[in-house]
PDB file of N, CA and C in Angstrom:
ATOM      1  N   UNK A   1      -0.426  13.865  10.939  1.00  0.00           N
ATOM      2  CA  UNK A   1      -0.814  14.201   9.581  1.00  0.00           C
ATOM      3  C   UNK A   1       0.419  14.194   8.592  1.00  0.00           C
ATOM      4  N   UNK A   2       0.390  13.601   7.561  1.00  0.00           N
ATOM      5  CA  UNK A   2       1.656  13.543   6.701  1.00  0.00           C
ATOM      6  C   UNK A   2       1.464  14.281   5.356  1.00  0.00           C
ATOM      7  N   UNK A   3       0.339  15.246   5.187  1.00  0.00           N
ATOM      8  CA  UNK A   3       0.031  15.605   3.836  1.00  0.00           C
ATOM      9  C   UNK A   3       1.469  16.167   2.960  1.00  0.00           C
ATOM     10  N   UNK A   4       2.264  17.041   3.565  1.00  0.00           N
ATOM     11  CA  UNK A   4       3.500  17.467   2.815  1.00  0.00           C
ATOM     12  C   UNK A   4       4.792  17.494   3.778  1.00  0.00           C
ATOM     13  N   UNK A   5       5.252  16.458   4.410  1.00  0.00           N
ATOM     14  CA  UNK A   5       6.218  16.475   5.355  1.00  0.00           C
ATOM     15  C   UNK A   5       7.467  17.000   4.845  1.00  0.00           C
ATOM     16  N   UNK A   6       8.170  17.538   5.719  1.00  0.00           N
ATOM     17  CA  UNK A   6       9.613  18.060   5.304  1.00  0.00           C
ATOM     18  C   UNK A   6      10.468  17.092   4.634  1.00  0.00           C
ATOM     19  N   UNK A   7      10.433  15.979   5.019  1.00  0.00           N
ATOM     20  CA  UNK A   7      11.332  15.009   4.306  1.00  0.00           C
ATOM     21  C   UNK A   7      10.878  14.435   3.119  1.00  0.00           C
ATOM     22  N   UNK A   8       9.627  14.918   2.434  1.00  0.00           N
ATOM     23  CA  UNK A   8       9.045  14.364   1.221  1.00  0.00           C
ATOM     24  C   UNK A   8      10.125  14.281   0.059  1.00  0.00           C
ATOM     25  N   UNK A   9      10.765  15.423  -0.038  1.00  0.00           N
ATOM     26  CA  UNK A   9      11.544  15.788  -1.300  1.00  0.00           C
ATOM     27  C   UNK A   9      12.729  14.458  -1.339  1.00  0.00           C
ATOM     28  N   UNK A  10      13.399  14.009  -0.356  1.00  0.00           N
ATOM     29  CA  UNK A  10      14.311  12.952  -0.452  1.00  0.00           C
ATOM     30  C   UNK A  10      13.722  11.669  -0.692  1.00  0.00           C
ATOM     31  N   UNK A  11      12.603  11.506  -0.174  1.00  0.00           N
ATOM     32  CA  UNK A  11      11.663  10.336  -0.386  1.00  0.00           C
ATOM     33  C   UNK A  11      11.222  10.266  -1.982  1.00  0.00           C
ATOM     34  N   UNK A  12      10.838  11.404  -2.358  1.00  0.00           N
ATOM     35  CA  UNK A  12      10.393  11.332  -3.920  1.00  0.00           C
ATOM     36  C   UNK A  12      11.534  11.060  -4.769  1.00  0.00           C
ATOM     37  N   UNK A  13      12.753  11.513  -4.513  1.00  0.00           N
ATOM     38  CA  UNK A  13      13.862  11.234  -5.310  1.00  0.00           C
ATOM     39  C   UNK A  13      14.098   9.619  -5.185  1.00  0.00           C
ATOM     40  N   UNK A  14      14.078   9.115  -4.054  1.00  0.00           N
ATOM     41  CA  UNK A  14      14.468   7.547  -4.040  1.00  0.00           C
ATOM     42  C   UNK A  14      13.118   6.902  -4.742  1.00  0.00           C
ATOM     43  N   UNK A  15      11.979   7.301  -4.324  1.00  0.00           N
ATOM     44  CA  UNK A  15      10.905   6.517  -5.030  1.00  0.00           C
ATOM     45  C   UNK A  15      10.666   6.784  -6.457  1.00  0.00           C
ATOM     46  N   UNK A  16      10.986   7.843  -6.928  1.00  0.00           N
ATOM     47  CA  UNK A  16      10.995   8.068  -8.325  1.00  0.00           C
ATOM     48  C   UNK A  16      12.061   7.260  -9.249  1.00  0.00           C
ATOM     49  N   UNK A  17      13.094   6.970  -8.636  1.00  0.00           N
ATOM     50  CA  UNK A  17      14.252   6.181  -9.286  1.00  0.00           C
ATOM     51  C   UNK A  17      13.785   4.770  -9.456  1.00  0.00           C
ATOM     52  N   UNK A  18      12.617   4.444  -8.416  1.00  0.00           N
ATOM     53  CA  UNK A  18      12.338   2.963  -8.482  1.00  0.00           C
ATOM     54  C   UNK A  18      10.793   2.995  -9.254  1.00  0.00           C
ATOM     55  N   UNK A  19      10.469   3.953  -9.936  1.00  0.00           N
ATOM     56  CA  UNK A  19       9.374   3.930 -10.668  1.00  0.00           C
ATOM     57  C   UNK A  19       7.964   4.315  -9.977  1.00  0.00           C
ATOM     58  N   UNK A  20       8.120   4.790  -8.799  1.00  0.00           N
ATOM     59  CA  UNK A  20       7.050   5.293  -8.035  1.00  0.00           C
ATOM     60  C   UNK A  20       6.769   6.752  -8.105  1.00  0.00           C
ATOM     61  N   UNK A  21       5.464   7.145  -8.075  1.00  0.00           N
ATOM     62  CA  UNK A  21       5.062   8.691  -8.055  1.00  0.00           C
ATOM     63  C   UNK A  21       4.314   8.894  -6.821  1.00  0.00           C
ATOM     64  N   UNK A  22       4.588  10.118  -6.188  1.00  0.00           N
ATOM     65  CA  UNK A  22       3.842  10.526  -5.180  1.00  0.00           C
ATOM     66  C   UNK A  22       2.495  11.118  -5.471  1.00  0.00           C
ATOM     67  N   UNK A  23       1.382  10.422  -4.781  1.00  0.00           N
ATOM     68  CA  UNK A  23      -0.043  10.746  -5.161  1.00  0.00           C
ATOM     69  C   UNK A  23      -0.366  11.850  -4.263  1.00  0.00           C
ATOM     70  N   UNK A  24      -0.138  13.132  -4.831  1.00  0.00           N
ATOM     71  CA  UNK A  24      -0.626  14.384  -4.120  1.00  0.00           C
ATOM     72  C   UNK A  24      -1.952  14.362  -3.807  1.00  0.00           C
ATOM     73  N   UNK A  25      -3.040  13.930  -4.611  1.00  0.00           N
ATOM     74  CA  UNK A  25      -4.233  14.075  -4.289  1.00  0.00           C
ATOM     75  C   UNK A  25      -4.830  12.925  -3.233  1.00  0.00           C
ATOM     76  N   UNK A  26      -3.917  12.124  -2.754  1.00  0.00           N
ATOM     77  CA  UNK A  26      -4.273  11.089  -1.730  1.00  0.00           C
ATOM     78  C   UNK A  26      -5.413  11.514  -0.796  1.00  0.00           C
ATOM     79  N   UNK A  27      -6.530  11.101  -0.600  1.00  0.00           N
ATOM     80  CA  UNK A  27      -7.511  11.710   0.293  1.00  0.00           C
ATOM     81  C   UNK A  27      -7.295  11.423   1.703  1.00  0.00           C
ATOM     82  N   UNK A  28      -6.471  10.490   2.151  1.00  0.00           N
ATOM     83  CA  UNK A  28      -6.039  10.238   3.561  1.00  0.00           C
ATOM     84  C   UNK A  28      -5.015  10.890   3.821  1.00  0.00           C
ATOM     85  N   UNK A  29      -4.989  11.978   4.705  1.00  0.00           N
ATOM     86  CA  UNK A  29      -3.764  12.653   5.134  1.00  0.00           C
ATOM     87  C   UNK A  29      -2.934  11.889   6.301  1.00  0.00           C
ATOM     88  N   UNK A  30      -3.445  10.591   6.741  1.00  0.00           N
ATOM     89  CA  UNK A  30      -2.766   9.714   7.606  1.00  0.00           C
ATOM     90  C   UNK A  30      -1.411   9.251   7.052  1.00  0.00           C
ATOM     91  N   UNK A  31      -1.294   9.110   5.877  1.00  0.00           N
ATOM     92  CA  UNK A  31      -0.092   8.579   5.185  1.00  0.00           C
ATOM     93  C   UNK A  31       0.470   9.163   3.871  1.00  0.00           C
ATOM     94  N   UNK A  32       1.534   8.865   3.526  1.00  0.00           N
ATOM     95  CA  UNK A  32       1.880   9.328   2.165  1.00  0.00           C
ATOM     96  C   UNK A  32       1.765   8.170   1.127  1.00  0.00           C
ATOM     97  N   UNK A  33       1.407   8.265   0.117  1.00  0.00           N
ATOM     98  CA  UNK A  33       0.961   7.416  -0.833  1.00  0.00           C
ATOM     99  C   UNK A  33       1.883   7.193  -1.951  1.00  0.00           C
ATOM    100  N   UNK A  34       2.778   6.310  -2.225  1.00  0.00           N
ATOM    101  CA  UNK A  34       3.678   6.511  -3.525  1.00  0.00           C
ATOM    102  C   UNK A  34       3.093   5.175  -4.427  1.00  0.00           C
ATOM    103  N   UNK A  35       3.047   5.432  -5.645  1.00  0.00           N
ATOM    104  CA  UNK A  35       2.265   4.358  -6.580  1.00  0.00           C
ATOM    105  C   UNK A  35       3.058   4.112  -7.735  1.00  0.00           C
ATOM    106  N   UNK A  36       3.329   2.942  -8.155  1.00  0.00           N
ATOM    107  CA  UNK A  36       3.904   2.505  -9.328  1.00  0.00           C
ATOM    108  C   UNK A  36       2.925   2.244 -10.204  1.00  0.00           C
ATOM    109  N   UNK A  37       2.762   3.012 -11.366  1.00  0.00           N
ATOM    110  CA  UNK A  37       1.834   2.862 -12.438  1.00  0.00           C
ATOM    111  C   UNK A  37       0.601   3.812 -12.125  1.00  0.00           C
ATOM    112  N   UNK A  38       1.007   4.927 -11.534  1.00  0.00           N
ATOM    113  CA  UNK A  38      -0.270   5.877 -11.191  1.00  0.00           C
ATOM    114  C   UNK A  38      -0.718   6.424 -12.511  1.00  0.00           C
ATOM    115  N   UNK A  39      -2.117   6.224 -12.717  1.00  0.00           N
ATOM    116  CA  UNK A  39      -2.778   6.486 -14.020  1.00  0.00           C
ATOM    117  C   UNK A  39      -2.455   8.095 -14.141  1.00  0.00           C
ATOM    118  N   UNK A  40      -2.365   8.426 -15.444  1.00  0.00           N
ATOM    119  CA  UNK A  40      -2.634   7.785 -16.643  1.00  0.00           C
ATOM    120  C   UNK A  40      -1.179   7.051 -17.259  1.00  0.00           C
ATOM    121  N   UNK A  41      -0.388   6.848 -16.376  1.00  0.00           N
ATOM    122  CA  UNK A  41       0.997   6.245 -16.809  1.00  0.00           C
ATOM    123  C   UNK A  41       1.128   4.597 -16.919  1.00  0.00           C
ATOM    124  N   UNK A  42      -0.176   4.138 -16.511  1.00  0.00           N
ATOM    125  CA  UNK A  42      -0.341   2.574 -16.663  1.00  0.00           C
ATOM    126  C   UNK A  42      -1.308   2.089 -15.398  1.00  0.00           C
ATOM    127  N   UNK A  43      -1.463   0.779 -15.500  1.00  0.00           N
ATOM    128  CA  UNK A  43      -2.339   0.284 -14.300  1.00  0.00           C
ATOM    129  C   UNK A  43      -1.474   0.314 -12.946  1.00  0.00           C
ATOM    130  N   UNK A  44      -2.128   0.645 -12.075  1.00  0.00           N
ATOM    131  CA  UNK A  44      -1.330   0.697 -10.791  1.00  0.00           C
ATOM    132  C   UNK A  44      -1.076  -0.831 -10.285  1.00  0.00           C
ATOM    133  N   UNK A  45       0.255  -1.075 -10.216  1.00  0.00           N
ATOM    134  CA  UNK A  45       0.856  -2.480  -9.771  1.00  0.00           C
ATOM    135  C   UNK A  45       1.304  -2.496  -8.331  1.00  0.00           C
ATOM    136  N   UNK A  46       1.876  -1.315  -7.968  1.00  0.00           N
ATOM    137  CA  UNK A  46       2.524  -1.550  -6.559  1.00  0.00           C
ATOM    138  C   UNK A  46       2.070  -0.096  -5.928  1.00  0.00           C
ATOM    139  N   UNK A  47       2.208  -0.162  -4.472  1.00  0.00           N
ATOM    140  CA  UNK A  47       2.095   1.004  -3.884  1.00  0.00           C
ATOM    141  C   UNK A  47       2.614   0.984  -2.569  1.00  0.00           C
ATOM    142  N   UNK A  48       3.257   2.094  -1.981  1.00  0.00           N
ATOM    143  CA  UNK A  48       3.943   2.181  -0.661  1.00  0.00           C
ATOM    144  C   UNK A  48       3.118   3.107   0.257  1.00  0.00           C
ATOM    145  N   UNK A  49       2.966   2.768   1.437  1.00  0.00           N
ATOM    146  CA  UNK A  49       2.461   3.786   2.416  1.00  0.00           C
ATOM    147  C   UNK A  49       3.291   4.275   3.354  1.00  0.00           C
ATOM    148  N   UNK A  50       3.472   5.419   3.656  1.00  0.00           N
ATOM    149  CA  UNK A  50       4.623   5.933   4.658  1.00  0.00           C
ATOM    150  C   UNK A  50       3.868   6.721   5.671  1.00  0.00           C
ATOM    151  N   UNK A  51       4.188   6.088   6.933  1.00  0.00           N
ATOM    152  CA  UNK A  51       3.290   6.816   8.139  1.00  0.00           C
ATOM    153  C   UNK A  51       4.026   7.162   9.071  1.00  0.00           C
ATOM    154  N   UNK A  52       3.802   7.985  10.050  1.00  0.00           N
ATOM    155  CA  UNK A  52       4.641   8.382  11.201  1.00  0.00           C
ATOM    156  C   UNK A  52       4.815   7.213  12.105  1.00  0.00           C
ATOM    157  N   UNK A  53       5.879   7.150  13.054  1.00  0.00           N
ATOM    158  CA  UNK A  53       6.263   5.991  13.785  1.00  0.00           C
ATOM    159  C   UNK A  53       5.107   5.692  14.757  1.00  0.00           C
ATOM    160  N   UNK A  54       4.420   6.839  15.386  1.00  0.00           N
ATOM    161  CA  UNK A  54       3.290   6.439  16.079  1.00  0.00           C
ATOM    162  C   UNK A  54       1.902   6.506  15.645  1.00  0.00           C
ATOM    163  N   UNK A  55       1.858   6.053  14.301  1.00  0.00           N
ATOM    164  CA  UNK A  55       0.456   6.139  13.722  1.00  0.00           C
ATOM    165  C   UNK A  55      -0.197   4.781  14.054  1.00  0.00           C
ATOM    166  N   UNK A  56      -1.424   4.824  14.175  1.00  0.00           N
ATOM    167  CA  UNK A  56      -2.233   3.784  14.695  1.00  0.00           C
ATOM    168  C   UNK A  56      -2.321   2.647  13.321  1.00  0.00           C
ATOM    169  N   UNK A  57      -1.839   3.273  12.245  1.00  0.00           N
ATOM    170  CA  UNK A  57      -1.797   2.202  11.014  1.00  0.00           C
ATOM    171  C   UNK A  57      -0.907   1.202  11.155  1.00  0.00           C
ATOM    172  N   UNK A  58       0.183   1.297  11.944  1.00  0.00           N
ATOM    173  CA  UNK A  58       1.219   0.234  12.343  1.00  0.00           C
ATOM    174  C   UNK A  58       0.340  -1.088  12.877  1.00  0.00           C
ATOM    175  N   UNK A  59      -0.736  -0.749  13.342  1.00  0.00           N
ATOM    176  CA  UNK A  59      -1.525  -2.126  13.889  1.00  0.00           C
ATOM    177  C   UNK A  59      -1.904  -3.028  12.951  1.00  0.00           C
ATOM    178  N   UNK A  60      -1.941  -2.559  11.569  1.00  0.00           N
ATOM    179  CA  UNK A  60      -2.071  -3.324  10.504  1.00  0.00           C
ATOM    180  C   UNK A  60      -1.192  -4.512  10.390  1.00  0.00           C
ATOM    181  N   UNK A  61       0.081  -4.159  10.703  1.00  0.00           N
ATOM    182  CA  UNK A  61       1.123  -5.143  10.729  1.00  0.00           C
ATOM    183  C   UNK A  61       0.743  -6.441  11.767  1.00  0.00           C
ATOM    184  N   UNK A  62       0.090  -6.164  12.542  1.00  0.00           N
ATOM    185  CA  UNK A  62      -0.137  -7.327  13.355  1.00  0.00           C
ATOM    186  C   UNK A  62      -0.860  -8.551  12.587  1.00  0.00           C
ATOM    187  N   UNK A  63      -1.686  -8.121  11.740  1.00  0.00           N
ATOM    188  CA  UNK A  63      -2.446  -9.249  10.900  1.00  0.00           C
ATOM    189  C   UNK A  63      -1.228  -9.774  10.093  1.00  0.00           C
ATOM    190  N   UNK A  64      -0.521  -9.132   9.474  1.00  0.00           N
ATOM    191  CA  UNK A  64       0.732  -9.649   8.618  1.00  0.00           C
ATOM    192  C   UNK A  64       1.403 -10.682   9.833  1.00  0.00           C
ATOM    193  N   UNK A  65       1.703 -10.248  10.813  1.00  0.00           N
ATOM    194  CA  UNK A  65       2.696 -10.957  11.598  1.00  0.00           C
ATOM    195  C   UNK A  65       1.870 -12.228  12.039  1.00  0.00           C
ATOM    196  N   UNK A  66       0.617 -12.091  12.326  1.00  0.00           N
ATOM    197  CA  UNK A  66      -0.322 -13.390  12.639  1.00  0.00           C
ATOM    198  C   UNK A  66       0.060 -14.251  11.614  1.00  0.00           C
ATOM    199  N   UNK A  67      -0.259 -13.977  10.361  1.00  0.00           N
ATOM    200  CA  UNK A  67      -0.391 -14.891   9.202  1.00  0.00           C
ATOM    201  C   UNK A  67       1.030 -15.530   9.205  1.00  0.00           C
ATOM    202  N   UNK A  68       2.185 -14.772   9.481  1.00  0.00           N
ATOM    203  CA  UNK A  68       3.394 -15.282   9.315  1.00  0.00           C
ATOM    204  C   UNK A  68       3.702 -16.325  10.489  1.00  0.00           C
ATOM    205  N   UNK A  69       3.109 -16.366  11.483  1.00  0.00           N
ATOM    206  CA  UNK A  69       3.380 -17.277  12.665  1.00  0.00           C
ATOM    207  C   UNK A  69       2.395 -18.379  12.581  1.00  0.00           C
ATOM    208  N   UNK A  70       1.251 -18.213  11.547  1.00  0.00           N
ATOM    209  CA  UNK A  70       0.448 -19.312  11.571  1.00  0.00           C
ATOM    210  C   UNK A  70       0.073 -19.769  10.136  1.00  0.00           C
ATOM    211  N   UNK A  71       0.971 -20.692   9.676  1.00  0.00           N
ATOM    212  CA  UNK A  71       0.689 -20.935   8.330  1.00  0.00           C
ATOM    213  C   UNK A  71      -0.390 -21.467   7.945  1.00  0.00           C
ATOM    214  N   UNK A  72      -1.198 -22.294   8.513  1.00  0.00           N
ATOM    215  CA  UNK A  72      -2.451 -22.826   8.257  1.00  0.00           C
ATOM    216  C   UNK A  72      -3.455 -21.591   7.873  1.00  0.00           C
ATOM    217  N   UNK A  73      -3.591 -20.650   8.758  1.00  0.00           N
ATOM    218  CA  UNK A  73      -4.458 -19.390   8.554  1.00  0.00           C
ATOM    219  C   UNK A  73      -4.016 -18.722   7.320  1.00  0.00           C
ATOM    220  N   UNK A  74      -2.700 -18.488   7.109  1.00  0.00           N
ATOM    221  CA  UNK A  74      -2.063 -18.077   5.964  1.00  0.00           C
ATOM    222  C   UNK A  74      -2.469 -18.659   4.728  1.00  0.00           C
ATOM    223  N   UNK A  75      -2.567 -20.040   4.738  1.00  0.00           N
ATOM    224  CA  UNK A  75      -3.042 -20.650   3.568  1.00  0.00           C
ATOM    225  C   UNK A  75      -4.502 -20.411   3.360  1.00  0.00           C
ATOM    226  N   UNK A  76      -5.124 -20.525   4.227  1.00  0.00           N
ATOM    227  CA  UNK A  76      -6.699 -20.162   4.166  1.00  0.00           C
ATOM    228  C   UNK A  76      -7.026 -18.893   3.530  1.00  0.00           C
ATOM    229  N   UNK A  77      -6.219 -17.832   4.090  1.00  0.00           N
ATOM    230  CA  UNK A  77      -6.330 -16.540   3.746  1.00  0.00           C
ATOM    231  C   UNK A  77      -5.998 -16.272   2.296  1.00  0.00           C
ATOM    232  N   UNK A  78      -4.850 -16.853   1.882  1.00  0.00           N
ATOM    233  CA  UNK A  78      -4.442 -16.891   0.485  1.00  0.00           C
ATOM    234  C   UNK A  78      -5.524 -17.462  -0.470  1.00  0.00           C
ATOM    235  N   UNK A  79      -6.056 -18.652  -0.006  1.00  0.00           N
ATOM    236  CA  UNK A  79      -7.107 -19.278  -0.862  1.00  0.00           C
ATOM    237  C   UNK A  79      -8.345 -18.324  -1.101  1.00  0.00           C
ATOM    238  N   UNK A  80      -8.782 -17.636  -0.106  1.00  0.00           N
ATOM    239  CA  UNK A  80      -9.838 -16.685  -0.074  1.00  0.00           C
ATOM    240  C   UNK A  80      -9.686 -15.572  -0.882  1.00  0.00           C
ATOM    241  N   UNK A  81      -8.396 -15.095  -0.710  1.00  0.00           N
ATOM    242  CA  UNK A  81      -7.818 -13.915  -1.577  1.00  0.00           C
ATOM    243  C   UNK A  81      -7.826 -14.259  -3.102  1.00  0.00           C
ATOM    244  N   UNK A  82      -7.419 -15.545  -3.381  1.00  0.00           N
ATOM    245  CA  UNK A  82      -7.248 -15.998  -4.771  1.00  0.00           C
ATOM    246  C   UNK A  82      -8.788 -16.028  -5.302  1.00  0.00           C
ATOM    247  N   UNK A  83      -9.701 -16.647  -4.538  1.00  0.00           N
ATOM    248  CA  UNK A  83     -11.119 -16.967  -5.018  1.00  0.00           C
ATOM    249  C   UNK A  83     -11.643 -15.471  -5.206  1.00  0.00           C
ATOM    250  N   UNK A  84     -11.533 -14.656  -4.294  1.00  0.00           N
ATOM    251  CA  UNK A  84     -12.142 -13.311  -4.426  1.00  0.00           C
ATOM    252  C   UNK A  84     -11.435 -12.426  -5.739  1.00  0.00           C
ATOM    253  N   UNK A  85     -10.112 -12.578  -5.827  1.00  0.00           N
ATOM    254  CA  UNK A  85      -9.545 -12.077  -7.067  1.00  0.00           C
ATOM    255  C   UNK A  85     -10.199 -12.611  -8.420  1.00  0.00           C
ATOM    256  N   UNK A  86     -10.397 -13.829  -8.419  1.00  0.00           N
ATOM    257  CA  UNK A  86     -10.997 -14.505  -9.590  1.00  0.00           C
ATOM    258  C   UNK A  86     -12.602 -13.931  -9.659  1.00  0.00           C
ATOM    259  N   UNK A  87     -13.290 -13.927  -8.691  1.00  0.00           N
ATOM    260  CA  UNK A  87     -14.678 -13.583  -8.762  1.00  0.00           C
ATOM    261  C   UNK A  87     -14.798 -12.011  -9.200  1.00  0.00           C
ATOM    262  N   UNK A  88     -13.758 -11.282  -8.597  1.00  0.00           N
ATOM    263  CA  UNK A  88     -13.920  -9.601  -8.830  1.00  0.00           C
ATOM    264  C   UNK A  88     -12.721  -9.316  -9.695  1.00  0.00           C
ATOM    265  N   UNK A  89     -12.230  -9.922 -10.662  1.00  0.00           N
ATOM    266  CA  UNK A  89     -10.987  -9.527 -11.367  1.00  0.00           C
ATOM    267  C   UNK A  89     -11.159  -8.239 -11.800  1.00  0.00           C
ATOM    268  N   UNK A  90     -12.264  -7.575 -12.147  1.00  0.00           N
ATOM    269  CA  UNK A  90     -12.252  -6.380 -12.806  1.00  0.00           C
ATOM    270  C   UNK A  90     -12.471  -5.262 -11.865  1.00  0.00           C
ATOM    271  N   UNK A  91     -12.591  -5.455 -10.471  1.00  0.00           N
ATOM    272  CA  UNK A  91     -12.994  -4.693  -9.509  1.00  0.00           C
ATOM    273  C   UNK A  91     -11.817  -4.391  -8.559  1.00  0.00           C
ATOM    274  N   UNK A  92     -10.827  -3.616  -8.793  1.00  0.00           N
ATOM    275  CA  UNK A  92      -9.616  -3.573  -7.779  1.00  0.00           C
ATOM    276  C   UNK A  92      -9.948  -3.386  -6.361  1.00  0.00           C
ATOM    277  N   UNK A  93     -10.938  -2.567  -6.185  1.00  0.00           N
ATOM    278  CA  UNK A  93     -11.379  -2.203  -4.845  1.00  0.00           C
ATOM    279  C   UNK A  93     -11.933  -3.293  -4.086  1.00  0.00           C
ATOM    280  N   UNK A  94     -12.573  -4.208  -4.733  1.00  0.00           N
ATOM    281  CA  UNK A  94     -13.195  -5.362  -4.118  1.00  0.00           C
ATOM    282  C   UNK A  94     -12.092  -6.259  -3.301  1.00  0.00           C
TER     283      UNK A  94
END
């Protein structure tokens, strides 16, 4: 659980200089969530998730790695994401 780790302060200094804010109200204690454009300072444009080295969340990188190795699947996925972004342009969570 990463709610307020000891190493948060140095990370906050680094991420703040890059324009990110630590989202203290993040409802998921499995990761620390840094946001660029955290409301009300603007629209959210980027975010960073920081997790413990043994977190199951690292498994999400398997999908990324798969797409990197399979260009045809990556192109299909990109097309799907593009169409979904057009269809749900005002629904960031979709």
